[in-house]
C-alpha atoms as a PDB file:
ATOM      1  CA  MET A   1      -7.044 -14.564  10.070  1.00  0.00           C
ATOM      2  CA  GLU A   2      -5.258 -15.516  13.246  1.00  0.00           C
ATOM      3  CA  ILE A   3      -5.613 -13.400  16.372  1.00  0.00           C
ATOM      4  CA  LYS A   4      -2.233 -12.045  17.443  1.00  0.00           C
ATOM      5  CA  PRO A   5      -1.798 -10.896  21.043  1.00  0.00           C
ATOM      6  CA  MET A   6      -1.346  -7.221  21.856  1.00  0.00           C
ATOM      7  CA  ILE A   7       2.248  -6.826  23.011  1.00  0.00           C
ATOM      8  CA  TYR A   8       3.033  -3.391  24.377  1.00  0.00           C
ATOM      9  CA  GLN A   9       6.417  -1.776  23.810  1.00  0.00           C
ATOM     10  CA  LYS A  10       7.916   1.690  24.216  1.00  0.00           C
ATOM     11  CA  ASP A  11       8.565   2.283  20.495  1.00  0.00           C
ATOM     12  CA  ARG A  12       5.975   3.027  17.827  1.00  0.00           C
ATOM     13  CA  LYS A  13       5.322   0.487  15.062  1.00  0.00           C
ATOM     14  CA  ILE A  14       2.405  -0.728  12.961  1.00  0.00           C
ATOM     15  CA  GLU A  15       1.395  -4.371  13.191  1.00  0.00           C
ATOM     16  CA  LEU A  16      -1.900  -5.898  12.121  1.00  0.00           C
ATOM     17  CA  LEU A  17      -3.178  -7.996  15.027  1.00  0.00           C
ATOM     18  CA  HIS A  18      -6.451  -9.120  13.482  1.00  0.00           C
ATOM     19  CA  LYS A  19      -8.802  -8.372  10.628  1.00  0.00           C
ATOM     20  CA  ASP A  20     -12.173  -9.890   9.964  1.00  0.00           C
ATOM     21  CA  ASN A  21     -15.626  -9.270   8.571  1.00  0.00           C
ATOM     22  CA  TYR A  22     -18.668  -9.053  10.811  1.00  0.00           C
ATOM     23  CA  LYS A  23     -22.146  -8.658   9.321  1.00  0.00           C
ATOM     24  CA  GLY A  24     -20.651  -7.420   6.054  1.00  0.00           C
ATOM     25  CA  TYR A  25     -18.288  -4.848   7.606  1.00  0.00           C
ATOM     26  CA  ASN A  26     -14.528  -5.216   7.660  1.00  0.00           C
ATOM     27  CA  TYR A  27     -12.690  -4.331  10.841  1.00  0.00           C
ATOM     28  CA  TYR A  28      -9.006  -4.124  11.665  1.00  0.00           C
ATOM     29  CA  ILE A  29      -7.089  -4.128  14.948  1.00  0.00           C
ATOM     30  CA  LEU A  30      -3.598  -2.667  14.940  1.00  0.00           C
ATOM     31  CA  ASN A  31      -0.766  -2.640  17.442  1.00  0.00           C
ATOM     32  CA  LEU A  32       0.968   0.734  17.304  1.00  0.00           C
ATOM     33  CA  GLY A  33       3.572  -0.510  19.767  1.00  0.00           C
ATOM     34  CA  THR A  34       2.642   1.844  22.562  1.00  0.00           C
ATOM     35  CA  HIS A  35      -1.092   1.046  22.332  1.00  0.00           C
ATOM     36  CA  PRO A  36      -3.726  -0.712  20.208  1.00  0.00           C
ATOM     37  CA  THR A  37      -6.232   0.902  17.864  1.00  0.00           C
ATOM     38  CA  ALA A  38      -9.303  -0.331  15.979  1.00  0.00           C
ATOM     39  CA  TYR A  39     -10.825   0.547  12.601  1.00  0.00           C
ATOM     40  CA  VAL A  40     -14.153  -0.213  10.970  1.00  0.00           C
ATOM     41  CA  GLU A  41     -14.488   0.171   7.209  1.00  0.00           C
ATOM     42  CA  ILE A  42     -17.545   2.127   6.062  1.00  0.00           C
ATOM     43  CA  PRO A  43     -18.492   1.194   2.475  1.00  0.00           C
ATOM     44  CA  LYS A  44     -19.498   3.669  -0.231  1.00  0.00           C
ATOM     45  CA  GLY A  45     -23.173   4.514  -0.096  1.00  0.00           C
ATOM     46  CA  HIS A  46     -23.422   4.282   3.686  1.00  0.00           C
ATOM     47  CA  LEU A  47     -24.710   7.374   5.501  1.00  0.00           C
ATOM     48  CA  LEU A  48     -21.423   7.683   7.459  1.00  0.00           C
ATOM     49  CA  HIS A  49     -19.146   7.302   4.417  1.00  0.00           C
ATOM     50  CA  GLY A  50     -17.012  10.442   4.054  1.00  0.00           C
ATOM     51  CA  MET A  51     -18.232  11.928   7.344  1.00  0.00           C
ATOM     52  CA  ASP A  52     -15.655  13.348   9.754  1.00  0.00           C
ATOM     53  CA  TYR A  53     -15.764  11.633  13.147  1.00  0.00           C
ATOM     54  CA  ASN A  54     -16.678  14.919  14.881  1.00  0.00           C
ATOM     55  CA  GLU A  55     -19.553  15.383  12.435  1.00  0.00           C
ATOM     56  CA  ILE A  56     -20.774  11.866  13.244  1.00  0.00           C
ATOM     57  CA  TYR A  57     -21.201  12.951  16.867  1.00  0.00           C
ATOM     58  CA  ASP A  58     -22.481  16.442  15.966  1.00  0.00           C
ATOM     59  CA  LYS A  59     -25.298  14.865  13.919  1.00  0.00           C
ATOM     60  CA  GLY A  60     -26.249  12.669  16.864  1.00  0.00           C
ATOM     61  CA  TYR A  61     -24.975   9.388  15.446  1.00  0.00           C
ATOM     62  CA  GLY A  62     -23.188   8.501  18.653  1.00  0.00           C
ATOM     63  CA  ILE A  63     -21.037   5.424  18.296  1.00  0.00           C
ATOM     64  CA  ASP A  64     -20.163   4.231  21.777  1.00  0.00           C
ATOM     65  CA  VAL A  65     -16.586   2.957  21.698  1.00  0.00           C
ATOM     66  CA  HIS A  66     -13.735   3.235  24.192  1.00  0.00           C
ATOM     67  CA  GLY A  67     -12.691   6.894  24.390  1.00  0.00           C
ATOM     68  CA  GLY A  68     -14.891   7.839  21.423  1.00  0.00           C
ATOM     69  CA  LEU A  69     -13.987   8.006  17.750  1.00  0.00           C
ATOM     70  CA  THR A  70     -10.614   9.666  17.109  1.00  0.00           C
ATOM     71  CA  TYR A  71     -10.123   9.324  13.333  1.00  0.00           C
ATOM     72  CA  SER A  72     -11.998   9.141  10.060  1.00  0.00           C
ATOM     73  CA  ASP A  73     -10.453   9.094   6.591  1.00  0.00           C
ATOM     74  CA  ASN A  74     -10.050   7.020   3.442  1.00  0.00           C
ATOM     75  CA  GLU A  75      -6.690   5.585   4.510  1.00  0.00           C
ATOM     76  CA  LEU A  76      -5.829   2.563   6.578  1.00  0.00           C
ATOM     77  CA  MET A  77      -2.179   2.105   7.508  1.00  0.00           C
ATOM     78  CA  MET A  78      -1.349   4.882   5.012  1.00  0.00           C
ATOM     79  CA  ILE A  79      -2.956   2.913   2.161  1.00  0.00           C
ATOM     80  CA  PRO A  80      -5.654   4.902   0.299  1.00  0.00           C
ATOM     81  CA  SER A  81      -9.003   3.204  -0.264  1.00  0.00           C
ATOM     82  CA  GLU A  82     -12.327   3.919  -1.922  1.00  0.00           C
ATOM     83  CA  ASN A  83     -13.938   3.138   1.393  1.00  0.00           C
ATOM     84  CA  TRP A  84     -13.995   5.206   4.561  1.00  0.00           C
ATOM     85  CA  PHE A  85     -12.610   4.234   7.939  1.00  0.00           C
ATOM     86  CA  ILE A  86     -13.561   5.266  11.429  1.00  0.00           C
ATOM     87  CA  GLU A  87     -11.123   4.594  14.254  1.00  0.00           C
ATOM     88  CA  TRP A  88     -10.738   4.742  17.994  1.00  0.00           C
ATOM     89  CA  ASP A  89      -7.729   4.038  20.129  1.00  0.00           C
ATOM     90  CA  TYR A  90      -6.784   2.674  23.504  1.00  0.00           C
ATOM     91  CA  ALA A  91      -4.439   5.476  24.600  1.00  0.00           C
ATOM     92  CA  HIS A  92      -6.636   7.297  27.078  1.00  0.00           C
ATOM     93  CA  CYS A  93      -6.474   7.950  30.796  1.00  0.00           C
ATOM     94  CA  TYR A  94      -6.272   4.600  32.613  1.00  0.00           C
ATOM     95  CA  ASP A  95      -5.094   2.825  29.446  1.00  0.00           C
ATOM     96  CA  TYR A  96      -1.660   1.247  29.626  1.00  0.00           C
ATOM     97  CA  ALA A  97       1.005   2.569  27.238  1.00  0.00           C
ATOM     98  CA  GLY A  98       4.122   0.647  26.270  1.00  0.00           C
ATOM     99  CA  TYR A  99       6.482   3.370  27.434  1.00  0.00           C
ATOM    100  CA  TYR A 100       5.101   3.158  31.012  1.00  0.00           C
ATOM    101  CA  ASP A 101       7.701   0.535  31.921  1.00  0.00           C
ATOM    102  CA  ALA A 102      10.394   3.202  31.548  1.00  0.00           C
ATOM    103  CA  ILE A 103       8.580   5.600  33.922  1.00  0.00           C
ATOM    104  CA  LYS A 104       8.909   5.511  37.676  1.00  0.00           C
ATOM    105  CA  ASP A 105       6.016   3.716  39.360  1.00  0.00           C
ATOM    106  CA  SER A 106       5.110   6.812  41.364  1.00  0.00           C
ATOM    107  CA  VAL A 107       4.069   8.608  38.161  1.00  0.00           C
ATOM    108  CA  LEU A 108       1.770   5.865  36.890  1.00  0.00           C
ATOM    109  CA  ILE A 109      -1.955   5.804  37.516  1.00  0.00           C
ATOM    110  CA  GLU A 110      -3.004   2.719  39.428  1.00  0.00           C
ATOM    111  CA  GLY A 111      -5.263   0.343  37.564  1.00  0.00           C
ATOM    112  CA  THR A 112      -4.111   1.092  34.027  1.00  0.00           C
ATOM    113  CA  LYS A 113      -5.726  -1.334  31.596  1.00  0.00           C
ATOM    114  CA  ARG A 114      -3.828  -3.528  29.171  1.00  0.00           C
ATOM    115  CA  TRP A 115      -6.316  -4.248  26.403  1.00  0.00           C
ATOM    116  CA  THR A 116      -6.329  -7.660  24.759  1.00  0.00           C
ATOM    117  CA  THR A 117      -7.028  -8.290  21.106  1.00  0.00           C
ATOM    118  CA  GLU A 118     -10.062 -10.386  22.086  1.00  0.00           C
ATOM    119  CA  GLU A 119     -11.558  -7.490  24.077  1.00  0.00           C
ATOM    120  CA  ILE A 120     -11.072  -5.157  21.121  1.00  0.00           C
ATOM    121  CA  ILE A 121     -12.734  -7.656  18.766  1.00  0.00           C
ATOM    122  CA  LYS A 122     -15.857  -7.512  20.976  1.00  0.00           C
ATOM    123  CA  GLU A 123     -15.814  -3.721  20.821  1.00  0.00           C
ATOM    124  CA  CYS A 124     -15.422  -3.759  17.008  1.00  0.00           C
ATOM    125  CA  LYS A 125     -18.487  -5.984  16.736  1.00  0.00           C
ATOM    126  CA  SER A 126     -20.434  -3.691  19.060  1.00  0.00           C
ATOM    127  CA  ALA A 127     -19.436  -0.676  16.929  1.00  0.00           C
ATOM    128  CA  ILE A 128     -20.587  -2.475  13.772  1.00  0.00           C
ATOM    129  CA  ASP A 129     -23.932  -3.306  15.399  1.00  0.00           C
ATOM    130  CA  GLN A 130     -24.316   0.401  16.192  1.00  0.00           C
ATOM    131  CA  ILE A 131     -23.370   1.406  12.623  1.00  0.00           C
ATOM    132  CA  ILE A 132     -25.987  -1.003  11.252  1.00  0.00           C
ATOM    133  CA  SER A 133     -28.601   0.496  13.599  1.00  0.00           C
ATOM    134  CA  ILE A 134     -27.724   4.019  12.425  1.00  0.00           C
ATOM    135  CA  GLU A 135     -28.167   2.912   8.818  1.00  0.00           C
ATOM    136  CA  LYS A 136     -31.538   1.237   9.511  1.00  0.00           C
ATOM    137  CA  GLU A 137     -32.877   4.199  11.510  1.00  0.00           C
ATOM    138  CA  ASN A 138     -31.975   6.703   8.783  1.00  0.00           C
ATOM    139  CA  LYS A 139     -33.328   4.966   5.661  1.00  0.00           C
END
């Protein structure tokens, strides 16, 4: 699939920027208008399948992604699936948000980061490598 650029805007929307498979795991990068977000699909039978993202951390299966995991469920873009998804977003302190252009400069934090789709792809692949390591270590 093509790699669409992340274009920030003040209004919320859902747009698929990129989806791919890396080492047998599907990942998805979405533009929510105000900020991007990333998902990795956890297949049935995997240790993390069905596990809440807080439980993943509580059990010591730390997945190091920007801002930490913020979602886990069997839905992607409101479409139910047999598989499980973990997600993290790029709407944290020092992350740019599309509505910032409407705010006075004096309110903004200097150095806010505008994430690119290519940077998020690298992070998705890193997350998948970590998920594979968790699976190997716990067999």
